[in-house]
PDB file of all heavy atoms in Angstrom:
ATOM      1  N   ALA A   1     198.709 148.995 155.915  1.00  0.00           N
ATOM      2  CA  ALA A   1     199.753 148.120 156.381  1.00  0.00           C
ATOM      3  C   ALA A   1     199.771 146.771 155.639  1.00  0.00           C
ATOM      4  O   ALA A   1     200.813 146.203 155.297  1.00  0.00           O
ATOM      5  CB  ALA A   1     199.538 147.877 157.885  1.00  0.00           C
ATOM      6  N   GLU A   2     198.594 146.259 155.324  1.00  0.00           N
ATOM      7  CA  GLU A   2     198.487 145.039 154.585  1.00  0.00           C
ATOM      8  C   GLU A   2     198.995 145.181 153.165  1.00  0.00           C
ATOM      9  O   GLU A   2     199.645 144.311 152.619  1.00  0.00           O
ATOM     10  CB  GLU A   2     197.049 144.547 154.619  1.00  0.00           C
ATOM     11  CG  GLU A   2     196.588 143.956 155.955  1.00  0.00           C
ATOM     12  CD  GLU A   2     196.247 144.982 156.988  1.00  0.00           C
ATOM     13  OE1 GLU A   2     196.190 146.207 156.652  1.00  0.00           O
ATOM     14  OE2 GLU A   2     195.931 144.642 158.110  1.00  0.00           O
ATOM     15  N   ALA A   3     198.729 146.355 152.561  1.00  0.00           N
ATOM     16  CA  ALA A   3     199.274 146.604 151.242  1.00  0.00           C
ATOM     17  C   ALA A   3     200.774 146.623 151.169  1.00  0.00           C
ATOM     18  O   ALA A   3     201.369 146.050 150.297  1.00  0.00           O
ATOM     19  CB  ALA A   3     198.674 148.002 150.706  1.00  0.00           C
ATOM     20  N   ALA A   4     201.344 147.259 152.226  1.00  0.00           N
ATOM     21  CA  ALA A   4     202.846 147.301 152.289  1.00  0.00           C
ATOM     22  C   ALA A   4     203.411 145.876 152.437  1.00  0.00           C
ATOM     23  O   ALA A   4     204.441 145.484 151.926  1.00  0.00           O
ATOM     24  CB  ALA A   4     203.282 148.181 153.467  1.00  0.00           C
ATOM     25  N   GLU A   5     202.682 145.050 153.196  1.00  0.00           N
ATOM     26  CA  GLU A   5     203.076 143.655 153.402  1.00  0.00           C
ATOM     27  C   GLU A   5     203.071 142.906 152.076  1.00  0.00           C
ATOM     28  O   GLU A   5     204.011 142.139 151.792  1.00  0.00           O
ATOM     29  CB  GLU A   5     202.188 142.974 154.439  1.00  0.00           C
ATOM     30  CG  GLU A   5     202.541 141.537 154.751  1.00  0.00           C
ATOM     31  CD  GLU A   5     201.662 140.948 155.802  1.00  0.00           C
ATOM     32  OE1 GLU A   5     200.992 141.677 156.581  1.00  0.00           O
ATOM     33  OE2 GLU A   5     201.533 139.691 155.809  1.00  0.00           O
ATOM     34  N   CYS A   6     202.073 143.150 151.262  1.00  0.00           N
ATOM     35  CA  CYS A   6     201.999 142.519 149.954  1.00  0.00           C
ATOM     36  C   CYS A   6     203.212 142.967 149.119  1.00  0.00           C
ATOM     37  O   CYS A   6     203.843 142.155 148.430  1.00  0.00           O
ATOM     38  CB  CYS A   6     200.706 142.901 149.244  1.00  0.00           C
ATOM     39  SG  CYS A   6     199.218 142.136 149.912  1.00  0.00           S
ATOM     40  N   THR A   7     203.509 144.264 149.127  1.00  0.00           N
ATOM     41  CA  THR A   7     204.667 144.754 148.352  1.00  0.00           C
ATOM     42  C   THR A   7     205.941 144.103 148.780  1.00  0.00           C
ATOM     43  O   THR A   7     206.783 143.778 147.969  1.00  0.00           O
ATOM     44  CB  THR A   7     204.752 146.290 148.513  1.00  0.00           C
ATOM     45  OG1 THR A   7     203.486 146.882 148.013  1.00  0.00           O
ATOM     46  CG2 THR A   7     205.916 146.857 147.747  1.00  0.00           C
ATOM     47  N   ARG A   8     206.123 143.916 150.065  1.00  0.00           N
ATOM     48  CA  ARG A   8     207.360 143.319 150.563  1.00  0.00           C
ATOM     49  C   ARG A   8     207.577 141.877 150.089  1.00  0.00           C
ATOM     50  O   ARG A   8     208.718 141.390 150.125  1.00  0.00           O
ATOM     51  CB  ARG A   8     207.438 143.385 152.089  1.00  0.00           C
ATOM     52  CG  ARG A   8     207.607 144.821 152.642  1.00  0.00           C
ATOM     53  CD  ARG A   8     208.033 144.767 154.090  1.00  0.00           C
ATOM     54  NE  ARG A   8     206.992 144.219 154.934  1.00  0.00           N
ATOM     55  CZ  ARG A   8     205.986 144.953 155.488  1.00  0.00           C
ATOM     56  NH1 ARG A   8     205.945 146.278 155.290  1.00  0.00           N
ATOM     57  NH2 ARG A   8     205.087 144.358 156.267  1.00  0.00           N
ATOM     58  N   THR A   9     206.553 141.184 149.653  1.00  0.00           N
ATOM     59  CA  THR A   9     206.749 139.840 149.171  1.00  0.00           C
ATOM     60  C   THR A   9     207.581 139.772 147.872  1.00  0.00           C
ATOM     61  O   THR A   9     208.239 138.792 147.609  1.00  0.00           O
ATOM     62  CB  THR A   9     205.412 139.090 148.877  1.00  0.00           C
ATOM     63  OG1 THR A   9     204.752 139.759 147.747  1.00  0.00           O
ATOM     64  CG2 THR A   9     204.493 139.170 150.086  1.00  0.00           C
ATOM     65  N   GLY A  10     207.576 140.853 147.099  1.00  0.00           N
ATOM     66  CA  GLY A  10     208.264 140.900 145.875  1.00  0.00           C
ATOM     67  C   GLY A  10     207.775 139.883 144.829  1.00  0.00           C
ATOM     68  O   GLY A  10     208.496 139.512 143.899  1.00  0.00           O
ATOM     69  N   HIS A  11     206.552 139.403 145.027  1.00  0.00           N
ATOM     70  CA  HIS A  11     206.021 138.365 144.178  1.00  0.00           C
ATOM     71  C   HIS A  11     205.752 138.835 142.720  1.00  0.00           C
ATOM     72  O   HIS A  11     205.614 140.049 142.474  1.00  0.00           O
ATOM     73  CB  HIS A  11     204.707 137.854 144.749  1.00  0.00           C
ATOM     74  CG  HIS A  11     204.235 136.572 144.156  1.00  0.00           C
ATOM     75  ND1 HIS A  11     203.515 136.481 142.993  1.00  0.00           N
ATOM     76  CD2 HIS A  11     204.407 135.249 144.568  1.00  0.00           C
ATOM     77  CE1 HIS A  11     203.224 135.248 142.680  1.00  0.00           C
ATOM     78  NE2 HIS A  11     203.758 134.461 143.661  1.00  0.00           N
ATOM     79  N   GLN A  12     205.719 137.846 141.840  1.00  0.00           N
ATOM     80  CA  GLN A  12     205.469 138.130 140.419  1.00  0.00           C
ATOM     81  C   GLN A  12     204.241 138.965 140.169  1.00  0.00           C
ATOM     82  O   GLN A  12     204.175 139.739 139.234  1.00  0.00           O
ATOM     83  CB  GLN A  12     205.377 136.761 139.649  1.00  0.00           C
ATOM     84  CG  GLN A  12     204.900 136.950 138.231  1.00  0.00           C
ATOM     85  CD  GLN A  12     204.352 135.610 137.675  1.00  0.00           C
ATOM     86  OE1 GLN A  12     204.225 134.644 138.395  1.00  0.00           O
ATOM     87  NE2 GLN A  12     204.072 135.589 136.342  1.00  0.00           N
ATOM     88  N   VAL A  13     203.142 138.799 140.981  1.00  0.00           N
ATOM     89  CA  VAL A  13     201.925 139.538 140.758  1.00  0.00           C
ATOM     90  C   VAL A  13     202.161 141.021 140.770  1.00  0.00           C
ATOM     91  O   VAL A  13     201.392 141.812 140.211  1.00  0.00           O
ATOM     92  CB  VAL A  13     200.817 139.111 141.717  1.00  0.00           C
ATOM     93  CG1 VAL A  13     200.449 137.636 141.554  1.00  0.00           C
ATOM     94  CG2 VAL A  13     201.124 139.408 143.114  1.00  0.00           C
ATOM     95  N   LEU A  14     203.153 141.473 141.515  1.00  0.00           N
ATOM     96  CA  LEU A  14     203.443 142.902 141.626  1.00  0.00           C
ATOM     97  C   LEU A  14     203.864 143.484 140.299  1.00  0.00           C
ATOM     98  O   LEU A  14     203.722 144.686 140.067  1.00  0.00           O
ATOM     99  CB  LEU A  14     204.507 143.181 142.710  1.00  0.00           C
ATOM    100  CG  LEU A  14     204.175 142.728 144.109  1.00  0.00           C
ATOM    101  CD1 LEU A  14     205.369 142.807 145.013  1.00  0.00           C
ATOM    102  CD2 LEU A  14     203.030 143.573 144.665  1.00  0.00           C
ATOM    103  N   TYR A  15     204.402 142.659 139.443  1.00  0.00           N
ATOM    104  CA  TYR A  15     204.844 143.104 138.123  1.00  0.00           C
ATOM    105  C   TYR A  15     203.659 143.730 137.357  1.00  0.00           C
ATOM    106  O   TYR A  15     203.887 144.639 136.549  1.00  0.00           O
ATOM    107  CB  TYR A  15     205.342 141.816 137.360  1.00  0.00           C
ATOM    108  CG  TYR A  15     205.783 142.066 135.955  1.00  0.00           C
ATOM    109  CD1 TYR A  15     207.125 142.285 135.595  1.00  0.00           C
ATOM    110  CD2 TYR A  15     204.865 142.001 134.920  1.00  0.00           C
ATOM    111  CE1 TYR A  15     207.518 142.460 134.247  1.00  0.00           C
ATOM    112  CE2 TYR A  15     205.224 142.141 133.533  1.00  0.00           C
ATOM    113  CZ  TYR A  15     206.561 142.341 133.299  1.00  0.00           C
ATOM    114  OH  TYR A  15     206.954 142.549 131.963  1.00  0.00           O
ATOM    115  N   TYR A  16     202.453 143.302 137.654  1.00  0.00           N
ATOM    116  CA  TYR A  16     201.266 143.738 136.922  1.00  0.00           C
ATOM    117  C   TYR A  16     200.479 144.823 137.610  1.00  0.00           C
ATOM    118  O   TYR A  16     199.384 145.219 137.236  1.00  0.00           O
ATOM    119  CB  TYR A  16     200.353 142.508 136.652  1.00  0.00           C
ATOM    120  CG  TYR A  16     201.043 141.451 135.812  1.00  0.00           C
ATOM    121  CD1 TYR A  16     201.508 140.332 136.416  1.00  0.00           C
ATOM    122  CD2 TYR A  16     201.395 141.697 134.478  1.00  0.00           C
ATOM    123  CE1 TYR A  16     202.224 139.384 135.681  1.00  0.00           C
ATOM    124  CE2 TYR A  16     202.094 140.719 133.735  1.00  0.00           C
ATOM    125  CZ  TYR A  16     202.498 139.612 134.369  1.00  0.00           C
ATOM    126  OH  TYR A  16     203.204 138.650 133.618  1.00  0.00           O
ATOM    127  N   ILE A  17     201.052 145.347 138.718  1.00  0.00           N
ATOM    128  CA  ILE A  17     200.400 146.528 139.421  1.00  0.00           C
ATOM    129  C   ILE A  17     201.395 147.607 139.721  1.00  0.00           C
ATOM    130  O   ILE A  17     201.282 148.322 140.721  1.00  0.00           O
ATOM    131  CB  ILE A  17     199.709 146.046 140.715  1.00  0.00           C
ATOM    132  CG1 ILE A  17     200.692 145.276 141.652  1.00  0.00           C
ATOM    133  CG2 ILE A  17     198.478 145.171 140.376  1.00  0.00           C
ATOM    134  CD1 ILE A  17     199.992 144.919 143.002  1.00  0.00           C
ATOM    135  N   GLY A  18     202.382 147.731 138.877  1.00  0.00           N
ATOM    136  CA  GLY A  18     203.391 148.800 139.005  1.00  0.00           C
ATOM    137  C   GLY A  18     204.358 148.607 140.109  1.00  0.00           C
ATOM    138  O   GLY A  18     205.114 149.571 140.511  1.00  0.00           O
ATOM    139  N   GLY A  19     204.529 147.375 140.630  1.00  0.00           N
ATOM    140  CA  GLY A  19     205.492 147.076 141.623  1.00  0.00           C
ATOM    141  C   GLY A  19     205.099 147.330 143.068  1.00  0.00           C
ATOM    142  O   GLY A  19     205.767 146.916 143.996  1.00  0.00           O
ATOM    143  N   VAL A  20     203.965 148.038 143.270  1.00  0.00           N
ATOM    144  CA  VAL A  20     203.490 148.359 144.613  1.00  0.00           C
ATOM    145  C   VAL A  20     202.028 148.074 144.770  1.00  0.00           C
ATOM    146  O   VAL A  20     201.225 148.389 143.906  1.00  0.00           O
ATOM    147  CB  VAL A  20     203.725 149.843 144.919  1.00  0.00           C
ATOM    148  CG1 VAL A  20     203.280 150.278 146.301  1.00  0.00           C
ATOM    149  CG2 VAL A  20     205.257 150.220 144.749  1.00  0.00           C
ATOM    150  N   MET A  21     201.682 147.331 145.829  1.00  0.00           N
ATOM    151  CA  MET A  21     200.282 147.056 146.155  1.00  0.00           C
ATOM    152  C   MET A  21     199.605 148.287 146.693  1.00  0.00           C
ATOM    153  O   MET A  21     200.155 148.958 147.589  1.00  0.00           O
ATOM    154  CB  MET A  21     200.125 145.912 147.079  1.00  0.00           C
ATOM    155  CG  MET A  21     198.721 145.520 147.465  1.00  0.00           C
ATOM    156  SD  MET A  21     197.739 144.857 146.096  1.00  0.00           S
ATOM    157  CE  MET A  21     198.482 143.211 145.944  1.00  0.00           C
ATOM    158  N   SER A  22     198.401 148.615 146.238  1.00  0.00           N
ATOM    159  CA  SER A  22     197.662 149.782 146.720  1.00  0.00           C
ATOM    160  C   SER A  22     196.589 149.302 147.761  1.00  0.00           C
ATOM    161  O   SER A  22     195.971 148.226 147.543  1.00  0.00           O
ATOM    162  CB  SER A  22     196.938 150.459 145.574  1.00  0.00           C
ATOM    163  OG  SER A  22     195.976 151.403 146.029  1.00  0.00           O
ATOM    164  N   PRO A  23     196.364 150.039 148.786  1.00  0.00           N
ATOM    165  CA  PRO A  23     195.270 149.740 149.729  1.00  0.00           C
ATOM    166  C   PRO A  23     193.886 149.851 149.119  1.00  0.00           C
ATOM    167  O   PRO A  23     192.939 149.409 149.679  1.00  0.00           O
ATOM    168  CB  PRO A  23     195.419 150.732 150.856  1.00  0.00           C
ATOM    169  CG  PRO A  23     196.154 151.896 150.230  1.00  0.00           C
ATOM    170  CD  PRO A  23     197.063 151.306 149.207  1.00  0.00           C
ATOM    171  N   GLU A  24     193.811 150.432 147.842  1.00  0.00           N
ATOM    172  CA  GLU A  24     192.519 150.481 147.193  1.00  0.00           C
ATOM    173  C   GLU A  24     192.177 149.218 146.448  1.00  0.00           C
ATOM    174  O   GLU A  24     191.072 149.078 145.998  1.00  0.00           O
ATOM    175  CB  GLU A  24     192.558 151.693 146.197  1.00  0.00           C
ATOM    176  CG  GLU A  24     192.690 153.027 146.953  1.00  0.00           C
ATOM    177  CD  GLU A  24     192.839 154.239 145.977  1.00  0.00           C
ATOM    178  OE1 GLU A  24     192.544 154.050 144.810  1.00  0.00           O
ATOM    179  OE2 GLU A  24     193.234 155.318 146.424  1.00  0.00           O
ATOM    180  N   MET A  25     193.142 148.289 146.392  1.00  0.00           N
ATOM    181  CA  MET A  25     192.869 146.971 145.759  1.00  0.00           C
ATOM    182  C   MET A  25     192.238 146.007 146.765  1.00  0.00           C
ATOM    183  O   MET A  25     192.201 146.279 147.981  1.00  0.00           O
ATOM    184  CB  MET A  25     194.168 146.434 145.174  1.00  0.00           C
ATOM    185  CG  MET A  25     194.682 147.306 144.005  1.00  0.00           C
ATOM    186  SD  MET A  25     196.203 146.674 143.246  1.00  0.00           S
ATOM    187  CE  MET A  25     196.434 147.900 141.926  1.00  0.00           C
ATOM    188  N   GLU A  26     191.810 144.850 146.272  1.00  0.00           N
ATOM    189  CA  GLU A  26     190.985 143.983 147.087  1.00  0.00           C
ATOM    190  C   GLU A  26     191.751 143.085 148.036  1.00  0.00           C
ATOM    191  O   GLU A  26     191.339 142.805 149.154  1.00  0.00           O
ATOM    192  CB  GLU A  26     190.030 143.156 146.219  1.00  0.00           C
ATOM    193  CG  GLU A  26     189.225 143.950 145.190  1.00  0.00           C
ATOM    194  CD  GLU A  26     188.332 145.009 145.794  1.00  0.00           C
ATOM    195  OE1 GLU A  26     188.499 145.377 146.949  1.00  0.00           O
ATOM    196  OE2 GLU A  26     187.503 145.546 145.042  1.00  0.00           O
ATOM    197  N   VAL A  27     192.918 142.621 147.606  1.00  0.00           N
ATOM    198  CA  VAL A  27     193.708 141.681 148.384  1.00  0.00           C
ATOM    199  C   VAL A  27     194.062 142.262 149.801  1.00  0.00           C
ATOM    200  O   VAL A  27     193.812 141.638 150.835  1.00  0.00           O
ATOM    201  CB  VAL A  27     195.008 141.190 147.675  1.00  0.00           C
ATOM    202  CG1 VAL A  27     195.941 140.479 148.613  1.00  0.00           C
ATOM    203  CG2 VAL A  27     194.566 140.274 146.521  1.00  0.00           C
ATOM    204  N   PRO A  28     194.638 143.503 149.931  1.00  0.00           N
ATOM    205  CA  PRO A  28     194.869 144.025 151.281  1.00  0.00           C
ATOM    206  C   PRO A  28     193.635 144.231 152.057  1.00  0.00           C
ATOM    207  O   PRO A  28     193.598 143.995 153.273  1.00  0.00           O
ATOM    208  CB  PRO A  28     195.619 145.358 150.990  1.00  0.00           C
ATOM    209  CG  PRO A  28     195.403 145.658 149.539  1.00  0.00           C
ATOM    210  CD  PRO A  28     195.180 144.362 148.858  1.00  0.00           C
ATOM    211  N   LYS A  29     192.470 144.632 151.357  1.00  0.00           N
ATOM    212  CA  LYS A  29     191.231 144.766 152.148  1.00  0.00           C
ATOM    213  C   LYS A  29     190.755 143.428 152.705  1.00  0.00           C
ATOM    214  O   LYS A  29     190.291 143.329 153.857  1.00  0.00           O
ATOM    215  CB  LYS A  29     190.176 145.335 151.222  1.00  0.00           C
ATOM    216  CG  LYS A  29     190.309 146.802 150.910  1.00  0.00           C
ATOM    217  CD  LYS A  29     189.172 147.265 150.004  1.00  0.00           C
ATOM    218  CE  LYS A  29     189.083 148.808 149.945  1.00  0.00           C
ATOM    219  NZ  LYS A  29     190.150 149.386 149.050  1.00  0.00           N
ATOM    220  N   LEU A  30     190.971 142.383 151.940  1.00  0.00           N
ATOM    221  CA  LEU A  30     190.596 141.012 152.406  1.00  0.00           C
ATOM    222  C   LEU A  30     191.473 140.565 153.548  1.00  0.00           C
ATOM    223  O   LEU A  30     191.038 139.903 154.470  1.00  0.00           O
ATOM    224  CB  LEU A  30     190.695 140.020 151.238  1.00  0.00           C
ATOM    225  CG  LEU A  30     189.579 140.192 150.161  1.00  0.00           C
ATOM    226  CD1 LEU A  30     189.935 139.424 148.902  1.00  0.00           C
ATOM    227  CD2 LEU A  30     188.257 139.745 150.688  1.00  0.00           C
ATOM    228  N   MET A  31     192.786 140.906 153.468  1.00  0.00           N
ATOM    229  CA  MET A  31     193.672 140.563 154.584  1.00  0.00           C
ATOM    230  C   MET A  31     193.219 141.250 155.845  1.00  0.00           C
ATOM    231  O   MET A  31     193.211 140.675 156.940  1.00  0.00           O
ATOM    232  CB  MET A  31     195.148 141.026 154.220  1.00  0.00           C
ATOM    233  CG  MET A  31     195.738 140.208 153.059  1.00  0.00           C
ATOM    234  SD  MET A  31     197.281 141.049 152.419  1.00  0.00           S
ATOM    235  CE  MET A  31     198.312 140.926 153.868  1.00  0.00           C
ATOM    236  N   TRP A  32     192.869 142.557 155.705  1.00  0.00           N
ATOM    237  CA  TRP A  32     192.378 143.303 156.853  1.00  0.00           C
ATOM    238  C   TRP A  32     191.142 142.611 157.433  1.00  0.00           C
ATOM    239  O   TRP A  32     191.008 142.473 158.658  1.00  0.00           O
ATOM    240  CB  TRP A  32     192.108 144.730 156.469  1.00  0.00           C
ATOM    241  CG  TRP A  32     191.719 145.611 157.675  1.00  0.00           C
ATOM    242  CD1 TRP A  32     192.521 146.391 158.412  1.00  0.00           C
ATOM    243  CD2 TRP A  32     190.409 145.747 158.227  1.00  0.00           C
ATOM    244  NE1 TRP A  32     191.802 147.017 159.391  1.00  0.00           N
ATOM    245  CE2 TRP A  32     190.515 146.612 159.299  1.00  0.00           C
ATOM    246  CE3 TRP A  32     189.168 145.167 157.921  1.00  0.00           C
ATOM    247  CZ2 TRP A  32     189.443 146.963 160.086  1.00  0.00           C
ATOM    248  CZ3 TRP A  32     188.060 145.536 158.694  1.00  0.00           C
ATOM    249  CH2 TRP A  32     188.205 146.418 159.730  1.00  0.00           C
TER     250      TRP A  32
END
């Protein structure tokens, strides 16, 4: 759920991760 929330921001950082945040990355884990 946190990964999907990151994706919905549409922020510039998504440009460097294929446009979609993965739950395997650290930012959504930290949010959780």
